[in-house]
Amino acid sequence: MFHRDPLPLRQILEEVLRDSPLAKKLAYADVPRLWREVVGSPLDRYTIPVEVRDGCLIVHVTSPVWRMELELRKAQLLEQMNHRLSTPLKDLRILLAPPPEQESVHGKK
């Protein structure tokens, strides 16, 4: 009978997940936290990393001015994000998004 030492759980999971769609989602699980780290203050308050789709990070921004700032820093931001991620991003899309609805004194706007 063939007997070998048990494999570490990490190695088993890596082999099982290697080509699964779940692996891609897990690879980008830290994106929101890393995004805040990379952009820093005050930009982190005006941006929301929405999702990673086909290796492209989609970020919503609340102002055209901040959108322009991010576009100018796009290559640098992408490089810094990829430095922190195990699976690199291919691109960064910055989209202007309306601010969330806020309640006024008289109820919703």
PDB file of N, CA and C in Angstrom:
ATOM      1  N   MET A   1       0.839  -1.181   0.000  1.00  0.00           N
ATOM      2  CA  MET A   1       0.000   0.000   0.000  1.00  0.00           C
ATOM      3  C   MET A   1       0.886   1.248   0.000  1.00  0.00           C
ATOM      4  N   PHE A   2       0.489   2.222  -0.784  1.00  0.00           N
ATOM      5  CA  PHE A   2       1.253   3.474  -0.917  1.00  0.00           C
ATOM      6  C   PHE A   2       0.829   4.442   0.177  1.00  0.00           C
ATOM      7  N   HIS A   3       1.815   4.951   0.884  1.00  0.00           N
ATOM      8  CA  HIS A   3       1.518   5.906   1.956  1.00  0.00           C
ATOM      9  C   HIS A   3       2.437   7.116   1.801  1.00  0.00           C
ATOM     10  N   ARG A   4       1.860   8.281   1.880  1.00  0.00           N
ATOM     11  CA  ARG A   4       2.674   9.491   1.821  1.00  0.00           C
ATOM     12  C   ARG A   4       2.210  10.462   2.886  1.00  0.00           C
ATOM     13  N   ASP A   5       3.054  11.433   3.147  1.00  0.00           N
ATOM     14  CA  ASP A   5       2.717  12.436   4.159  1.00  0.00           C
ATOM     15  C   ASP A   5       1.522  13.255   3.700  1.00  0.00           C
ATOM     16  N   PRO A   6       0.705  13.694   4.632  1.00  0.00           N
ATOM     17  CA  PRO A   6      -0.453  14.518   4.255  1.00  0.00           C
ATOM     18  C   PRO A   6       0.005  15.855   3.675  1.00  0.00           C
ATOM     19  N   LEU A   7      -0.781  16.340   2.733  1.00  0.00           N
ATOM     20  CA  LEU A   7      -0.484  17.638   2.123  1.00  0.00           C
ATOM     21  C   LEU A   7      -1.066  18.751   2.981  1.00  0.00           C
ATOM     22  N   PRO A   8      -0.401  19.904   2.996  1.00  0.00           N
ATOM     23  CA  PRO A   8      -0.975  21.047   3.723  1.00  0.00           C
ATOM     24  C   PRO A   8      -2.291  21.487   3.072  1.00  0.00           C
ATOM     25  N   LEU A   9      -3.217  21.906   3.896  1.00  0.00           N
ATOM     26  CA  LEU A   9      -4.527  22.327   3.409  1.00  0.00           C
ATOM     27  C   LEU A   9      -4.400  23.436   2.369  1.00  0.00           C
ATOM     28  N   ARG A  10      -3.487  24.365   2.582  1.00  0.00           N
ATOM     29  CA  ARG A  10      -3.283  25.472   1.637  1.00  0.00           C
ATOM     30  C   ARG A  10      -2.964  24.942   0.238  1.00  0.00           C
ATOM     31  N   GLN A  11      -2.106  23.950   0.167  1.00  0.00           N
ATOM     32  CA  GLN A  11      -1.728  23.381  -1.129  1.00  0.00           C
ATOM     33  C   GLN A  11      -2.914  22.687  -1.794  1.00  0.00           C
ATOM     34  N   ILE A  12      -3.696  21.971  -1.022  1.00  0.00           N
ATOM     35  CA  ILE A  12      -4.876  21.284  -1.564  1.00  0.00           C
ATOM     36  C   ILE A  12      -5.861  22.301  -2.118  1.00  0.00           C
ATOM     37  N   LEU A  13      -6.138  23.358  -1.335  1.00  0.00           N
ATOM     38  CA  LEU A  13      -7.077  24.387  -1.779  1.00  0.00           C
ATOM     39  C   LEU A  13      -6.577  25.105  -3.034  1.00  0.00           C
ATOM     40  N   GLU A  14      -5.296  25.392  -3.089  1.00  0.00           N
ATOM     41  CA  GLU A  14      -4.748  26.058  -4.275  1.00  0.00           C
ATOM     42  C   GLU A  14      -4.935  25.198  -5.519  1.00  0.00           C
ATOM     43  N   GLU A  15      -4.715  23.893  -5.385  1.00  0.00           N
ATOM     44  CA  GLU A  15      -4.884  22.988  -6.531  1.00  0.00           C
ATOM     45  C   GLU A  15      -6.349  22.889  -6.957  1.00  0.00           C
ATOM     46  N   VAL A  16      -7.243  22.819  -5.996  1.00  0.00           N
ATOM     47  CA  VAL A  16      -8.673  22.696  -6.296  1.00  0.00           C
ATOM     48  C   VAL A  16      -9.215  23.986  -6.925  1.00  0.00           C
ATOM     49  N   LEU A  17      -8.778  25.116  -6.389  1.00  0.00           N
ATOM     50  CA  LEU A  17      -9.327  26.400  -6.823  1.00  0.00           C
ATOM     51  C   LEU A  17      -8.613  27.019  -8.023  1.00  0.00           C
ATOM     52  N   ARG A  18      -7.480  26.485  -8.401  1.00  0.00           N
ATOM     53  CA  ARG A  18      -6.619  27.108  -9.405  1.00  0.00           C
ATOM     54  C   ARG A  18      -7.377  27.636 -10.630  1.00  0.00           C
ATOM     55  N   ASP A  19      -8.235  26.848 -11.203  1.00  0.00           N
ATOM     56  CA  ASP A  19      -8.916  27.268 -12.429  1.00  0.00           C
ATOM     57  C   ASP A  19     -10.397  27.578 -12.235  1.00  0.00           C
ATOM     58  N   SER A  20     -10.827  27.694 -11.002  1.00  0.00           N
ATOM     59  CA  SER A  20     -12.250  27.934 -10.782  1.00  0.00           C
ATOM     60  C   SER A  20     -12.567  29.426 -10.780  1.00  0.00           C
ATOM     61  N   PRO A  21     -13.807  29.792 -11.114  1.00  0.00           N
ATOM     62  CA  PRO A  21     -14.225  31.193 -11.048  1.00  0.00           C
ATOM     63  C   PRO A  21     -14.106  31.758  -9.628  1.00  0.00           C
ATOM     64  N   LEU A  22     -14.273  30.906  -8.643  1.00  0.00           N
ATOM     65  CA  LEU A  22     -14.159  31.348  -7.256  1.00  0.00           C
ATOM     66  C   LEU A  22     -12.743  31.843  -6.955  1.00  0.00           C
ATOM     67  N   ALA A  23     -11.747  31.233  -7.568  1.00  0.00           N
ATOM     68  CA  ALA A  23     -10.358  31.643  -7.335  1.00  0.00           C
ATOM     69  C   ALA A  23     -10.139  33.093  -7.734  1.00  0.00           C
ATOM     70  N   LYS A  24     -10.742  33.497  -8.846  1.00  0.00           N
ATOM     71  CA  LYS A  24     -10.594  34.877  -9.300  1.00  0.00           C
ATOM     72  C   LYS A  24     -11.243  35.841  -8.312  1.00  0.00           C
ATOM     73  N   LYS A  25     -12.409  35.471  -7.806  1.00  0.00           N
ATOM     74  CA  LYS A  25     -13.090  36.331  -6.836  1.00  0.00           C
ATOM     75  C   LYS A  25     -12.286  36.434  -5.545  1.00  0.00           C
ATOM     76  N   LEU A  26     -11.725  35.325  -5.106  1.00  0.00           N
ATOM     77  CA  LEU A  26     -10.917  35.342  -3.890  1.00  0.00           C
ATOM     78  C   LEU A  26      -9.652  36.169  -4.077  1.00  0.00           C
ATOM     79  N   ALA A  27      -9.083  36.121  -5.274  1.00  0.00           N
ATOM     80  CA  ALA A  27      -7.852  36.874  -5.556  1.00  0.00           C
ATOM     81  C   ALA A  27      -8.073  38.371  -5.406  1.00  0.00           C
ATOM     82  N   TYR A  28      -9.297  38.816  -5.668  1.00  0.00           N
ATOM     83  CA  TYR A  28      -9.593  40.248  -5.600  1.00  0.00           C
ATOM     84  C   TYR A  28     -10.391  40.632  -4.353  1.00  0.00           C
ATOM     85  N   ALA A  29     -10.472  39.752  -3.374  1.00  0.00           N
ATOM     86  CA  ALA A  29     -11.266  40.022  -2.173  1.00  0.00           C
ATOM     87  C   ALA A  29     -10.756  41.224  -1.379  1.00  0.00           C
ATOM     88  N   ASP A  30      -9.472  41.494  -1.448  1.00  0.00           N
ATOM     89  CA  ASP A  30      -8.884  42.606  -0.685  1.00  0.00           C
ATOM     90  C   ASP A  30      -8.917  43.938  -1.431  1.00  0.00           C
ATOM     91  N   VAL A  31      -9.477  43.975  -2.614  1.00  0.00           N
ATOM     92  CA  VAL A  31      -9.449  45.204  -3.419  1.00  0.00           C
ATOM     93  C   VAL A  31     -10.012  46.421  -2.686  1.00  0.00           C
ATOM     94  N   PRO A  32     -11.160  46.350  -2.025  1.00  0.00           N
ATOM     95  CA  PRO A  32     -11.657  47.562  -1.350  1.00  0.00           C
ATOM     96  C   PRO A  32     -10.676  48.123  -0.318  1.00  0.00           C
ATOM     97  N   ARG A  33     -10.110  47.255   0.489  1.00  0.00           N
ATOM     98  CA  ARG A  33      -9.150  47.702   1.502  1.00  0.00           C
ATOM     99  C   ARG A  33      -7.881  48.242   0.844  1.00  0.00           C
ATOM    100  N   LEU A  34      -7.376  47.532  -0.147  1.00  0.00           N
ATOM    101  CA  LEU A  34      -6.160  47.972  -0.832  1.00  0.00           C
ATOM    102  C   LEU A  34      -6.376  49.285  -1.574  1.00  0.00           C
ATOM    103  N   TRP A  35      -7.552  49.454  -2.135  1.00  0.00           N
ATOM    104  CA  TRP A  35      -7.864  50.698  -2.853  1.00  0.00           C
ATOM    105  C   TRP A  35      -7.748  51.898  -1.906  1.00  0.00           C
ATOM    106  N   ARG A  36      -8.355  51.779  -0.734  1.00  0.00           N
ATOM    107  CA  ARG A  36      -8.279  52.870   0.252  1.00  0.00           C
ATOM    108  C   ARG A  36      -6.826  53.159   0.628  1.00  0.00           C
ATOM    109  N   GLU A  37      -6.049  52.111   0.759  1.00  0.00           N
ATOM    110  CA  GLU A  37      -4.631  52.248   1.087  1.00  0.00           C
ATOM    111  C   GLU A  37      -3.871  52.977  -0.025  1.00  0.00           C
ATOM    112  N   VAL A  38      -4.135  52.599  -1.258  1.00  0.00           N
ATOM    113  CA  VAL A  38      -3.405  53.148  -2.409  1.00  0.00           C
ATOM    114  C   VAL A  38      -3.794  54.592  -2.696  1.00  0.00           C
ATOM    115  N   VAL A  39      -5.084  54.903  -2.735  1.00  0.00           N
ATOM    116  CA  VAL A  39      -5.487  56.273  -3.087  1.00  0.00           C
ATOM    117  C   VAL A  39      -5.300  57.234  -1.926  1.00  0.00           C
ATOM    118  N   GLY A  40      -5.424  56.757  -0.706  1.00  0.00           N
ATOM    119  CA  GLY A  40      -5.231  57.611   0.457  1.00  0.00           C
ATOM    120  C   GLY A  40      -6.333  58.643   0.613  1.00  0.00           C
ATOM    121  N   SER A  41      -6.136  59.478   1.602  1.00  0.00           N
ATOM    122  CA  SER A  41      -7.098  60.533   1.906  1.00  0.00           C
ATOM    123  C   SER A  41      -6.741  61.786   1.107  1.00  0.00           C
ATOM    124  N   PRO A  42      -7.661  62.552   0.619  1.00  0.00           N
ATOM    125  CA  PRO A  42      -9.112  62.476   0.773  1.00  0.00           C
ATOM    126  C   PRO A  42      -9.799  61.643  -0.312  1.00  0.00           C
ATOM    127  N   LEU A  43      -9.052  61.162  -1.309  1.00  0.00           N
ATOM    128  CA  LEU A  43      -9.684  60.454  -2.432  1.00  0.00           C
ATOM    129  C   LEU A  43     -10.498  59.238  -2.006  1.00  0.00           C
ATOM    130  N   ASP A  44     -10.095  58.556  -0.964  1.00  0.00           N
ATOM    131  CA  ASP A  44     -10.826  57.362  -0.545  1.00  0.00           C
ATOM    132  C   ASP A  44     -12.264  57.671  -0.142  1.00  0.00           C
ATOM    133  N   ARG A  45     -12.527  58.925   0.228  1.00  0.00           N
ATOM    134  CA  ARG A  45     -13.892  59.313   0.617  1.00  0.00           C
ATOM    135  C   ARG A  45     -14.789  59.584  -0.591  1.00  0.00           C
ATOM    136  N   TYR A  46     -14.206  59.783  -1.750  1.00  0.00           N
ATOM    137  CA  TYR A  46     -14.972  60.155  -2.952  1.00  0.00           C
ATOM    138  C   TYR A  46     -14.983  59.068  -4.015  1.00  0.00           C
ATOM    139  N   THR A  47     -14.428  57.918  -3.688  1.00  0.00           N
ATOM    140  CA  THR A  47     -14.356  56.825  -4.656  1.00  0.00           C
ATOM    141  C   THR A  47     -14.867  55.532  -4.033  1.00  0.00           C
ATOM    142  N   ILE A  48     -15.408  54.663  -4.897  1.00  0.00           N
ATOM    143  CA  ILE A  48     -15.890  53.353  -4.460  1.00  0.00           C
ATOM    144  C   ILE A  48     -15.432  52.315  -5.467  1.00  0.00           C
ATOM    145  N   PRO A  49     -14.571  51.374  -5.047  1.00  0.00           N
ATOM    146  CA  PRO A  49     -14.229  50.277  -5.947  1.00  0.00           C
ATOM    147  C   PRO A  49     -15.437  49.341  -6.030  1.00  0.00           C
ATOM    148  N   VAL A  50     -16.092  49.327  -7.181  1.00  0.00           N
ATOM    149  CA  VAL A  50     -17.370  48.629  -7.317  1.00  0.00           C
ATOM    150  C   VAL A  50     -17.193  47.138  -7.565  1.00  0.00           C
ATOM    151  N   GLU A  51     -16.350  46.788  -8.525  1.00  0.00           N
ATOM    152  CA  GLU A  51     -16.154  45.374  -8.850  1.00  0.00           C
ATOM    153  C   GLU A  51     -14.923  45.202  -9.727  1.00  0.00           C
ATOM    154  N   VAL A  52     -14.487  43.952  -9.819  1.00  0.00           N
ATOM    155  CA  VAL A  52     -13.452  43.588 -10.772  1.00  0.00           C
ATOM    156  C   VAL A  52     -14.136  42.688 -11.792  1.00  0.00           C
ATOM    157  N   ARG A  53     -14.112  43.111 -13.053  1.00  0.00           N
ATOM    158  CA  ARG A  53     -14.752  42.366 -14.136  1.00  0.00           C
ATOM    159  C   ARG A  53     -13.706  42.076 -15.202  1.00  0.00           C
ATOM    160  N   ASP A  54     -13.430  40.806 -15.430  1.00  0.00           N
ATOM    161  CA  ASP A  54     -12.434  40.375 -16.421  1.00  0.00           C
ATOM    162  C   ASP A  54     -11.089  41.069 -16.197  1.00  0.00           C
ATOM    163  N   GLY A  55     -10.690  41.185 -14.939  1.00  0.00           N
ATOM    164  CA  GLY A  55      -9.404  41.783 -14.608  1.00  0.00           C
ATOM    165  C   GLY A  55      -9.380  43.293 -14.612  1.00  0.00           C
ATOM    166  N   CYS A  56     -10.530  43.921 -14.829  1.00  0.00           N
ATOM    167  CA  CYS A  56     -10.620  45.385 -14.857  1.00  0.00           C
ATOM    168  C   CYS A  56     -11.323  45.863 -13.589  1.00  0.00           C
ATOM    169  N   LEU A  57     -10.636  46.705 -12.830  1.00  0.00           N
ATOM    170  CA  LEU A  57     -11.234  47.290 -11.625  1.00  0.00           C
ATOM    171  C   LEU A  57     -12.090  48.476 -12.035  1.00  0.00           C
ATOM    172  N   ILE A  58     -13.355  48.424 -11.656  1.00  0.00           N
ATOM    173  CA  ILE A  58     -14.288  49.509 -11.949  1.00  0.00           C
ATOM    174  C   ILE A  58     -14.481  50.314 -10.674  1.00  0.00           C
ATOM    175  N   VAL A  59     -14.191  51.599 -10.770  1.00  0.00           N
ATOM    176  CA  VAL A  59     -14.265  52.497  -9.625  1.00  0.00           C
ATOM    177  C   VAL A  59     -15.259  53.610  -9.940  1.00  0.00           C
ATOM    178  N   HIS A  60     -16.179  53.847  -9.026  1.00  0.00           N
ATOM    179  CA  HIS A  60     -17.102  54.981  -9.149  1.00  0.00           C
ATOM    180  C   HIS A  60     -16.526  56.151  -8.368  1.00  0.00           C
ATOM    181  N   VAL A  61     -16.679  57.326  -8.935  1.00  0.00           N
ATOM    182  CA  VAL A  61     -16.194  58.548  -8.302  1.00  0.00           C
ATOM    183  C   VAL A  61     -17.327  59.560  -8.321  1.00  0.00           C
ATOM    184  N   THR A  62     -17.387  60.404  -7.297  1.00  0.00           N
ATOM    185  CA  THR A  62     -18.538  61.291  -7.129  1.00  0.00           C
ATOM    186  C   THR A  62     -18.401  62.653  -7.791  1.00  0.00           C
ATOM    187  N   SER A  63     -17.229  62.965  -8.325  1.00  0.00           N
ATOM    188  CA  SER A  63     -17.026  64.296  -8.874  1.00  0.00           C
ATOM    189  C   SER A  63     -16.158  64.240 -10.130  1.00  0.00           C
ATOM    190  N   PRO A  64     -16.473  65.056 -11.133  1.00  0.00           N
ATOM    191  CA  PRO A  64     -15.635  65.102 -12.335  1.00  0.00           C
ATOM    192  C   PRO A  64     -14.194  65.517 -12.022  1.00  0.00           C
ATOM    193  N   VAL A  65     -14.017  66.348 -11.021  1.00  0.00           N
ATOM    194  CA  VAL A  65     -12.670  66.790 -10.643  1.00  0.00           C
ATOM    195  C   VAL A  65     -11.861  65.608 -10.115  1.00  0.00           C
ATOM    196  N   TRP A  66     -12.463  64.814  -9.230  1.00  0.00           N
ATOM    197  CA  TRP A  66     -11.761  63.642  -8.701  1.00  0.00           C
ATOM    198  C   TRP A  66     -11.556  62.596  -9.789  1.00  0.00           C
ATOM    199  N   ARG A  67     -12.504  62.503 -10.717  1.00  0.00           N
ATOM    200  CA  ARG A  67     -12.343  61.562 -11.831  1.00  0.00           C
ATOM    201  C   ARG A  67     -11.108  61.931 -12.647  1.00  0.00           C
ATOM    202  N   MET A  68     -10.929  63.206 -12.931  1.00  0.00           N
ATOM    203  CA  MET A  68      -9.767  63.665 -13.684  1.00  0.00           C
ATOM    204  C   MET A  68      -8.475  63.370 -12.921  1.00  0.00           C
ATOM    205  N   GLU A  69      -8.497  63.605 -11.629  1.00  0.00           N
ATOM    206  CA  GLU A  69      -7.327  63.314 -10.781  1.00  0.00           C
ATOM    207  C   GLU A  69      -6.940  61.842 -10.888  1.00  0.00           C
ATOM    208  N   LEU A  70      -7.939  60.964 -10.813  1.00  0.00           N
ATOM    209  CA  LEU A  70      -7.673  59.529 -10.911  1.00  0.00           C
ATOM    210  C   LEU A  70      -7.187  59.144 -12.299  1.00  0.00           C
ATOM    211  N   GLU A  71      -7.765  59.737 -13.331  1.00  0.00           N
ATOM    212  CA  GLU A  71      -7.320  59.447 -14.699  1.00  0.00           C
ATOM    213  C   GLU A  71      -5.844  59.822 -14.883  1.00  0.00           C
ATOM    214  N   LEU A  72      -5.446  60.951 -14.302  1.00  0.00           N
ATOM    215  CA  LEU A  72      -4.054  61.380 -14.412  1.00  0.00           C
ATOM    216  C   LEU A  72      -3.109  60.436 -13.662  1.00  0.00           C
ATOM    217  N   ARG A  73      -3.613  59.806 -12.610  1.00  0.00           N
ATOM    218  CA  ARG A  73      -2.796  58.891 -11.804  1.00  0.00           C
ATOM    219  C   ARG A  73      -3.062  57.425 -12.119  1.00  0.00           C
ATOM    220  N   LYS A  74      -3.812  57.147 -13.163  1.00  0.00           N
ATOM    221  CA  LYS A  74      -4.279  55.793 -13.467  1.00  0.00           C
ATOM    222  C   LYS A  74      -3.139  54.764 -13.536  1.00  0.00           C
ATOM    223  N   ALA A  75      -2.091  55.044 -14.297  1.00  0.00           N
ATOM    224  CA  ALA A  75      -0.985  54.089 -14.442  1.00  0.00           C
ATOM    225  C   ALA A  75      -0.321  53.827 -13.088  1.00  0.00           C
ATOM    226  N   GLN A  76      -0.114  54.875 -12.317  1.00  0.00           N
ATOM    227  CA  GLN A  76       0.510  54.750 -11.006  1.00  0.00           C
ATOM    228  C   GLN A  76      -0.383  53.932 -10.057  1.00  0.00           C
ATOM    229  N   LEU A  77      -1.688  54.217 -10.064  1.00  0.00           N
ATOM    230  CA  LEU A  77      -2.622  53.499  -9.199  1.00  0.00           C
ATOM    231  C   LEU A  77      -2.671  52.017  -9.557  1.00  0.00           C
ATOM    232  N   LEU A  78      -2.716  51.730 -10.844  1.00  0.00           N
ATOM    233  CA  LEU A  78      -2.757  50.346 -11.310  1.00  0.00           C
ATOM    234  C   LEU A  78      -1.487  49.603 -10.888  1.00  0.00           C
ATOM    235  N   GLU A  79      -0.358  50.252 -11.035  1.00  0.00           N
ATOM    236  CA  GLU A  79       0.914  49.643 -10.637  1.00  0.00           C
ATOM    237  C   GLU A  79       0.941  49.363  -9.134  1.00  0.00           C
ATOM    238  N   GLN A  80       0.484  50.322  -8.339  1.00  0.00           N
ATOM    239  CA  GLN A  80       0.481  50.139  -6.884  1.00  0.00           C
ATOM    240  C   GLN A  80      -0.494  49.047  -6.448  1.00  0.00           C
ATOM    241  N   MET A  81      -1.653  48.975  -7.103  1.00  0.00           N
ATOM    242  CA  MET A  81      -2.608  47.913  -6.782  1.00  0.00           C
ATOM    243  C   MET A  81      -2.007  46.548  -7.136  1.00  0.00           C
ATOM    244  N   ASN A  82      -1.414  46.444  -8.306  1.00  0.00           N
ATOM    245  CA  ASN A  82      -0.853  45.171  -8.744  1.00  0.00           C
ATOM    246  C   ASN A  82       0.309  44.722  -7.865  1.00  0.00           C
ATOM    247  N   HIS A  83       1.014  45.676  -7.321  1.00  0.00           N
ATOM    248  CA  HIS A  83       2.115  45.348  -6.414  1.00  0.00           C
ATOM    249  C   HIS A  83       1.587  44.647  -5.157  1.00  0.00           C
ATOM    250  N   ARG A  84       0.352  44.934  -4.779  1.00  0.00           N
ATOM    251  CA  ARG A  84      -0.245  44.386  -3.555  1.00  0.00           C
ATOM    252  C   ARG A  84      -1.116  43.152  -3.797  1.00  0.00           C
ATOM    253  N   LEU A  85      -1.472  42.883  -5.044  1.00  0.00           N
ATOM    254  CA  LEU A  85      -2.375  41.776  -5.361  1.00  0.00           C
ATOM    255  C   LEU A  85      -1.615  40.555  -5.876  1.00  0.00           C
ATOM    256  N   SER A  86      -2.134  39.369  -5.580  1.00  0.00           N
ATOM    257  CA  SER A  86      -1.508  38.150  -6.093  1.00  0.00           C
ATOM    258  C   SER A  86      -1.860  37.922  -7.564  1.00  0.00           C
ATOM    259  N   THR A  87      -3.034  38.376  -7.975  1.00  0.00           N
ATOM    260  CA  THR A  87      -3.452  38.306  -9.379  1.00  0.00           C
ATOM    261  C   THR A  87      -3.575  39.731  -9.886  1.00  0.00           C
ATOM    262  N   PRO A  88      -2.716  40.137 -10.819  1.00  0.00           N
ATOM    263  CA  PRO A  88      -2.711  41.538 -11.248  1.00  0.00           C
ATOM    264  C   PRO A  88      -3.978  41.946 -12.000  1.00  0.00           C
ATOM    265  N   LEU A  89      -4.299  43.213 -11.856  1.00  0.00           N
ATOM    266  CA  LEU A  89      -5.396  43.818 -12.613  1.00  0.00           C
ATOM    267  C   LEU A  89      -4.881  44.157 -14.011  1.00  0.00           C
ATOM    268  N   LYS A  90      -5.767  44.098 -14.986  1.00  0.00           N
ATOM    269  CA  LYS A  90      -5.395  44.439 -16.359  1.00  0.00           C
ATOM    270  C   LYS A  90      -5.648  45.914 -16.670  1.00  0.00           C
ATOM    271  N   ASP A  91      -6.675  46.462 -16.013  1.00  0.00           N
ATOM    272  CA  ASP A  91      -7.060  47.836 -16.329  1.00  0.00           C
ATOM    273  C   ASP A  91      -7.816  48.442 -15.148  1.00  0.00           C
ATOM    274  N   LEU A  92      -8.015  49.741 -15.249  1.00  0.00           N
ATOM    275  CA  LEU A  92      -8.750  50.502 -14.242  1.00  0.00           C
ATOM    276  C   LEU A  92      -9.706  51.424 -14.990  1.00  0.00           C
ATOM    277  N   ARG A  93     -11.014  51.263 -14.724  1.00  0.00           N
ATOM    278  CA  ARG A  93     -12.028  52.141 -15.332  1.00  0.00           C
ATOM    279  C   ARG A  93     -12.603  53.028 -14.259  1.00  0.00           C
ATOM    280  N   ILE A  94     -12.569  54.315 -14.513  1.00  0.00           N
ATOM    281  CA  ILE A  94     -13.066  55.289 -13.553  1.00  0.00           C
ATOM    282  C   ILE A  94     -14.326  55.913 -14.120  1.00  0.00           C
ATOM    283  N   LEU A  95     -15.435  55.680 -13.445  1.00  0.00           N
ATOM    284  CA  LEU A  95     -16.729  56.141 -13.922  1.00  0.00           C
ATOM    285  C   LEU A  95     -17.335  57.144 -12.962  1.00  0.00           C
ATOM    286  N   LEU A  96     -17.915  58.171 -13.520  1.00  0.00           N
ATOM    287  CA  LEU A  96     -18.614  59.161 -12.717  1.00  0.00           C
ATOM    288  C   LEU A  96     -19.954  58.574 -12.299  1.00  0.00           C
ATOM    289  N   ALA A  97     -20.187  58.529 -11.018  1.00  0.00           N
ATOM    290  CA  ALA A  97     -21.433  57.962 -10.499  1.00  0.00           C
ATOM    291  C   ALA A  97     -22.162  59.027  -9.689  1.00  0.00           C
ATOM    292  N   PRO A  98     -23.467  59.027  -9.751  1.00  0.00           N
ATOM    293  CA  PRO A  98     -24.218  60.003  -8.948  1.00  0.00           C
ATOM    294  C   PRO A  98     -24.037  59.698  -7.470  1.00  0.00           C
ATOM    295  N   PRO A  99     -24.023  60.737  -6.643  1.00  0.00           N
ATOM    296  CA  PRO A  99     -23.910  60.491  -5.203  1.00  0.00           C
ATOM    297  C   PRO A  99     -25.143  59.750  -4.714  1.00  0.00           C
ATOM    298  N   PRO A 100     -24.996  58.972  -3.650  1.00  0.00           N
ATOM    299  CA  PRO A 100     -26.168  58.259  -3.125  1.00  0.00           C
ATOM    300  C   PRO A 100     -27.215  59.260  -2.644  1.00  0.00           C
ATOM    301  N   GLU A 101     -28.474  58.831  -2.710  1.00  0.00           N
ATOM    302  CA  GLU A 101     -29.554  59.715  -2.256  1.00  0.00           C
ATOM    303  C   GLU A 101     -29.393  59.990  -0.769  1.00  0.00           C
ATOM    304  N   GLN A 102     -29.582  61.231  -0.429  1.00  0.00           N
ATOM    305  CA  GLN A 102     -29.492  61.612   0.975  1.00  0.00           C
ATOM    306  C   GLN A 102     -30.836  62.140   1.422  1.00  0.00           C
ATOM    307  N   GLU A 103     -31.077  61.971   2.671  1.00  0.00           N
ATOM    308  CA  GLU A 103     -32.336  62.487   3.211  1.00  0.00           C
ATOM    309  C   GLU A 103     -32.173  63.951   3.567  1.00  0.00           C
ATOM    310  N   SER A 104     -33.136  64.734   3.170  1.00  0.00           N
ATOM    311  CA  SER A 104     -33.132  66.140   3.560  1.00  0.00           C
ATOM    312  C   SER A 104     -33.988  66.267   4.817  1.00  0.00           C
ATOM    313  N   VAL A 105     -34.119  67.462   5.296  1.00  0.00           N
ATOM    314  CA  VAL A 105     -34.943  67.719   6.487  1.00  0.00           C
ATOM    315  C   VAL A 105     -36.389  67.312   6.225  1.00  0.00           C
ATOM    316  N   HIS A 106     -36.832  67.416   4.972  1.00  0.00           N
ATOM    317  CA  HIS A 106     -38.219  67.135   4.611  1.00  0.00           C
ATOM    318  C   HIS A 106     -38.404  65.747   4.033  1.00  0.00           C
ATOM    319  N   GLY A 107     -37.469  64.836   4.252  1.00  0.00           N
ATOM    320  CA  GLY A 107     -37.571  63.495   3.701  1.00  0.00           C
ATOM    321  C   GLY A 107     -36.623  63.328   2.532  1.00  0.00           C
ATOM    322  N   LYS A 108     -36.848  62.319   1.735  1.00  0.00           N
ATOM    323  CA  LYS A 108     -35.977  62.051   0.596  1.00  0.00           C
ATOM    324  C   LYS A 108     -36.103  63.126  -0.451  1.00  0.00           C
ATOM    325  N   LYS A 109     -35.009  63.346  -1.178  1.00  0.00           N
ATOM    326  CA  LYS A 109     -35.017  64.336  -2.256  1.00  0.00           C
ATOM    327  C   LYS A 109     -35.869  63.882  -3.402  1.00  0.00           C
TER     328      LYS A 109
END
